[in-house]
C-alpha atoms as a PDB file:
ATOM      1  CA  MET A   1     -36.779 -18.168 -28.576  1.00  0.00           C
ATOM      2  CA  LYS A   2     -36.623 -19.846 -24.905  1.00  0.00           C
ATOM      3  CA  SER A   3     -33.051 -21.735 -26.395  1.00  0.00           C
ATOM      4  CA  VAL A   4     -31.629 -18.684 -27.043  1.00  0.00           C
ATOM      5  CA  LEU A   5     -33.038 -17.061 -23.893  1.00  0.00           C
ATOM      6  CA  VAL A   6     -31.057 -20.644 -22.213  1.00  0.00           C
ATOM      7  CA  LEU A   7     -28.207 -19.897 -24.422  1.00  0.00           C
ATOM      8  CA  ALA A   8     -27.986 -16.508 -23.263  1.00  0.00           C
ATOM      9  CA  ILE A   9     -27.489 -17.228 -19.600  1.00  0.00           C
ATOM     10  CA  ALA A  10     -25.813 -20.414 -19.907  1.00  0.00           C
ATOM     11  CA  ALA A  11     -23.084 -18.017 -21.611  1.00  0.00           C
ATOM     12  CA  LEU A  12     -23.483 -15.235 -18.447  1.00  0.00           C
ATOM     13  CA  ALA A  13     -23.656 -17.787 -16.105  1.00  0.00           C
ATOM     14  CA  ALA A  14     -19.773 -19.117 -17.792  1.00  0.00           C
ATOM     15  CA  LEU A  15     -18.448 -15.796 -17.871  1.00  0.00           C
ATOM     16  CA  THR A  16     -19.452 -14.600 -14.387  1.00  0.00           C
ATOM     17  CA  LEU A  17     -17.458 -18.361 -13.182  1.00  0.00           C
ATOM     18  CA  ALA A  18     -14.347 -17.093 -15.581  1.00  0.00           C
ATOM     19  CA  MET A  19     -14.151 -13.735 -13.747  1.00  0.00           C
ATOM     20  CA  PRO A  20     -11.480 -14.144 -11.003  1.00  0.00           C
ATOM     21  CA  ALA A  21     -12.384 -13.021  -7.365  1.00  0.00           C
ATOM     22  CA  GLN A  22     -11.009 -10.060  -6.828  1.00  0.00           C
ATOM     23  CA  ALA A  23      -7.806 -10.306  -4.688  1.00  0.00           C
ATOM     24  CA  ALA A  24      -6.932  -8.998  -1.357  1.00  0.00           C
ATOM     25  CA  GLY A  25      -5.421  -6.132  -1.375  1.00  0.00           C
ATOM     26  CA  PHE A  26      -4.683  -2.415  -0.858  1.00  0.00           C
ATOM     27  CA  ASP A  27      -6.686   0.555  -2.769  1.00  0.00           C
ATOM     28  CA  ASN A  28      -6.143   4.474  -3.212  1.00  0.00           C
ATOM     29  CA  ILE A  29      -2.692   4.219  -1.758  1.00  0.00           C
ATOM     30  CA  VAL A  30      -1.348   7.735  -0.751  1.00  0.00           C
ATOM     31  CA  VAL A  31       1.860   8.889   0.766  1.00  0.00           C
ATOM     32  CA  SER A  32       2.032  12.617   1.895  1.00  0.00           C
ATOM     33  CA  ALA A  33       3.142  15.188   3.212  1.00  0.00           C
ATOM     34  CA  THR A  34      -0.202  16.154   5.587  1.00  0.00           C
ATOM     35  CA  LYS A  35      -1.934  13.498   7.105  1.00  0.00           C
ATOM     36  CA  GLY A  36      -5.314  12.794   4.269  1.00  0.00           C
ATOM     37  CA  GLY A  37      -3.205  14.815   2.057  1.00  0.00           C
ATOM     38  CA  GLU A  38      -2.923  14.677  -1.490  1.00  0.00           C
ATOM     39  CA  PRO A  39      -1.202  12.377  -3.088  1.00  0.00           C
ATOM     40  CA  GLN A  40       3.184  13.589  -3.207  1.00  0.00           C
ATOM     41  CA  SER A  41       5.955  11.230  -4.559  1.00  0.00           C
ATOM     42  CA  GLU A  42       9.048  14.235  -3.736  1.00  0.00           C
ATOM     43  CA  PHE A  43       9.377  15.654  -0.197  1.00  0.00           C
ATOM     44  CA  PRO A  44      11.911  17.962   0.616  1.00  0.00           C
ATOM     45  CA  ALA A  45      14.375  16.332   3.320  1.00  0.00           C
ATOM     46  CA  ASP A  46      12.918  18.923   5.669  1.00  0.00           C
ATOM     47  CA  THR A  47       9.815  17.645   5.623  1.00  0.00           C
ATOM     48  CA  PRO A  48       8.586  16.753   9.182  1.00  0.00           C
ATOM     49  CA  VAL A  49       6.304  13.543   8.751  1.00  0.00           C
ATOM     50  CA  VAL A  50       5.598  11.022   5.805  1.00  0.00           C
ATOM     51  CA  TYR A  51       2.187   9.677   6.023  1.00  0.00           C
ATOM     52  CA  LEU A  52       0.559   6.919   3.965  1.00  0.00           C
ATOM     53  CA  SER A  53      -2.610   6.028   3.967  1.00  0.00           C
ATOM     54  CA  ALA A  54      -4.820   3.085   2.045  1.00  0.00           C
ATOM     55  CA  ASP A  55      -8.068   1.466   1.633  1.00  0.00           C
ATOM     56  CA  LEU A  56      -8.229  -2.244   2.482  1.00  0.00           C
ATOM     57  CA  VAL A  57     -10.039  -4.051   0.048  1.00  0.00           C
ATOM     58  CA  ASP A  58     -11.271  -7.836   1.323  1.00  0.00           C
ATOM     59  CA  ILE A  59      -8.697  -8.272   3.910  1.00  0.00           C
ATOM     60  CA  PRO A  60      -9.338 -10.847   6.049  1.00  0.00           C
ATOM     61  CA  ALA A  61     -10.461  -9.345   9.493  1.00  0.00           C
ATOM     62  CA  THR A  62      -8.345 -11.665  10.824  1.00  0.00           C
ATOM     63  CA  SER A  63      -4.900 -10.737   8.768  1.00  0.00           C
ATOM     64  CA  THR A  64      -2.655  -9.042  10.211  1.00  0.00           C
ATOM     65  CA  ILE A  65      -1.190  -5.759   7.351  1.00  0.00           C
ATOM     66  CA  THR A  66       1.927  -4.762   7.466  1.00  0.00           C
ATOM     67  CA  PHE A  67       3.742  -1.269   6.425  1.00  0.00           C
ATOM     68  CA  SER A  68       7.160  -1.508   6.159  1.00  0.00           C
ATOM     69  CA  TRP A  69       9.650   1.768   5.393  1.00  0.00           C
ATOM     70  CA  ILE A  70      12.141   1.323   3.658  1.00  0.00           C
ATOM     71  CA  SER A  71      15.813   3.494   2.255  1.00  0.00           C
ATOM     72  CA  ILE A  72      15.998   1.976  -1.208  1.00  0.00           C
ATOM     73  CA  ASP A  73      18.932   3.847  -2.194  1.00  0.00           C
ATOM     74  CA  SER A  74      20.276   6.740   0.500  1.00  0.00           C
ATOM     75  CA  HIS A  75      23.806   7.320  -1.198  1.00  0.00           C
ATOM     76  CA  GLY A  76      25.248   5.568   1.280  1.00  0.00           C
ATOM     77  CA  VAL A  77      23.965   7.256   4.620  1.00  0.00           C
ATOM     78  CA  ALA A  78      22.065   3.761   5.180  1.00  0.00           C
ATOM     79  CA  PRO A  79      22.857   0.191   3.921  1.00  0.00           C
ATOM     80  CA  ALA A  80      20.589  -0.510  -0.082  1.00  0.00           C
ATOM     81  CA  ASN A  81      16.500  -1.311   1.064  1.00  0.00           C
ATOM     82  CA  TYR A  82      17.821  -0.730   4.684  1.00  0.00           C
ATOM     83  CA  THR A  83      14.513  -1.429   6.577  1.00  0.00           C
ATOM     84  CA  ILE A  84      13.707   2.008   8.719  1.00  0.00           C
ATOM     85  CA  ASP A  85      10.764   0.845  10.791  1.00  0.00           C
ATOM     86  CA  LYS A  86       7.901  -1.541  10.684  1.00  0.00           C
ATOM     87  CA  VAL A  87       4.388  -1.189  11.522  1.00  0.00           C
ATOM     88  CA  ASP A  88       1.837  -3.708  12.298  1.00  0.00           C
ATOM     89  CA  LEU A  89      -1.932  -3.235  12.108  1.00  0.00           C
ATOM     90  CA  HIS A  90      -4.500  -6.020  12.839  1.00  0.00           C
ATOM     91  CA  VAL A  91      -6.979  -5.638  10.171  1.00  0.00           C
ATOM     92  CA  GLY A  92     -10.364  -6.138  12.193  1.00  0.00           C
ATOM     93  CA  GLU A  93     -12.898  -4.315  11.097  1.00  0.00           C
ATOM     94  CA  ASN A  94     -11.080  -1.780   9.568  1.00  0.00           C
ATOM     95  CA  THR A  95     -11.944  -0.688   6.300  1.00  0.00           C
ATOM     96  CA  GLU A  96      -8.467   1.711   5.673  1.00  0.00           C
ATOM     97  CA  ALA A  97      -5.729   2.219   7.462  1.00  0.00           C
ATOM     98  CA  ASP A  98      -2.435   4.580   7.611  1.00  0.00           C
ATOM     99  CA  SER A  99       1.134   4.793   8.912  1.00  0.00           C
ATOM    100  CA  GLN A 100       3.811   7.438   9.262  1.00  0.00           C
ATOM    101  CA  LEU A 101       7.001   8.030   9.691  1.00  0.00           C
ATOM    102  CA  SER A 102       9.389  10.953  11.067  1.00  0.00           C
ATOM    103  CA  LYS A 103      12.064  12.947   9.770  1.00  0.00           C
ATOM    104  CA  PRO A 104      15.272  12.094  11.240  1.00  0.00           C
ATOM    105  CA  THR A 105      17.143  14.026  13.530  1.00  0.00           C
ATOM    106  CA  ALA A 106      19.319  15.173  10.798  1.00  0.00           C
ATOM    107  CA  GLY A 107      16.824  15.007   7.898  1.00  0.00           C
ATOM    108  CA  TRP A 108      15.914  13.003   5.440  1.00  0.00           C
ATOM    109  CA  PRO A 109      19.026  12.345   3.687  1.00  0.00           C
ATOM    110  CA  VAL A 110      18.372  12.722  -0.065  1.00  0.00           C
ATOM    111  CA  GLY A 111      17.180   9.067  -2.011  1.00  0.00           C
ATOM    112  CA  THR A 112      15.015   6.780  -2.961  1.00  0.00           C
ATOM    113  CA  TYR A 113      12.332   5.542  -0.577  1.00  0.00           C
ATOM    114  CA  ARG A 114       9.642   2.796  -0.407  1.00  0.00           C
ATOM    115  CA  VAL A 115       6.469   1.291   1.655  1.00  0.00           C
ATOM    116  CA  ASP A 116       5.877  -2.291   1.678  1.00  0.00           C
ATOM    117  CA  LEU A 117       2.548  -3.300   2.568  1.00  0.00           C
ATOM    118  CA  SER A 118       2.337  -6.336   3.430  1.00  0.00           C
ATOM    119  CA  ILE A 119      -0.588  -8.973   4.410  1.00  0.00           C
ATOM    120  CA  ASP A 120       0.113 -12.054   6.745  1.00  0.00           C
ATOM    121  CA  GLY A 121       3.785 -11.700   5.961  1.00  0.00           C
ATOM    122  CA  THR A 122       3.049 -11.467   1.976  1.00  0.00           C
ATOM    123  CA  VAL A 123       4.161  -7.756   0.141  1.00  0.00           C
ATOM    124  CA  ALA A 124       0.950  -7.127  -1.433  1.00  0.00           C
ATOM    125  CA  ASP A 125       2.047  -3.418  -2.906  1.00  0.00           C
ATOM    126  CA  SER A 126       4.174  -0.659  -2.348  1.00  0.00           C
ATOM    127  CA  ALA A 127       4.107   3.214  -2.274  1.00  0.00           C
ATOM    128  CA  PRO A 128       7.075   4.869  -3.765  1.00  0.00           C
ATOM    129  CA  PHE A 129       8.617   7.833  -3.268  1.00  0.00           C
ATOM    130  CA  SER A 130      12.057  10.706  -2.527  1.00  0.00           C
ATOM    131  CA  ILE A 131      13.852  12.739  -1.017  1.00  0.00           C
ATOM    132  CA  ARG A 132      15.322  15.627  -2.604  1.00  0.00           C
END
């Protein structure tokens, strides 16, 4: 009986060591037309502001996160994969972060967009959306 218990403990320890550690990153990424709003993937061209919020997961306090707002394809209004704006935030004690991008004066160009979420210069996740 004792050898079975020792074997079970050894197997459990081996499984625990084999499990990968959770990588630093983002969770609960939400793109919305209102701050704290429900997730959306499509927005009308007259949407005043597009908001993004995300939970920070195991990101060191000394890290910098960057939200890069990118026009993937605006049907010739901007070059493909054009970076509209970037926002850098020092993590510190924060467990969540948000960013927003206001509608251009002439309205949002119809097309596809994304927000790249980076940690210390490396893209960790992306949130796509479109303007219709």
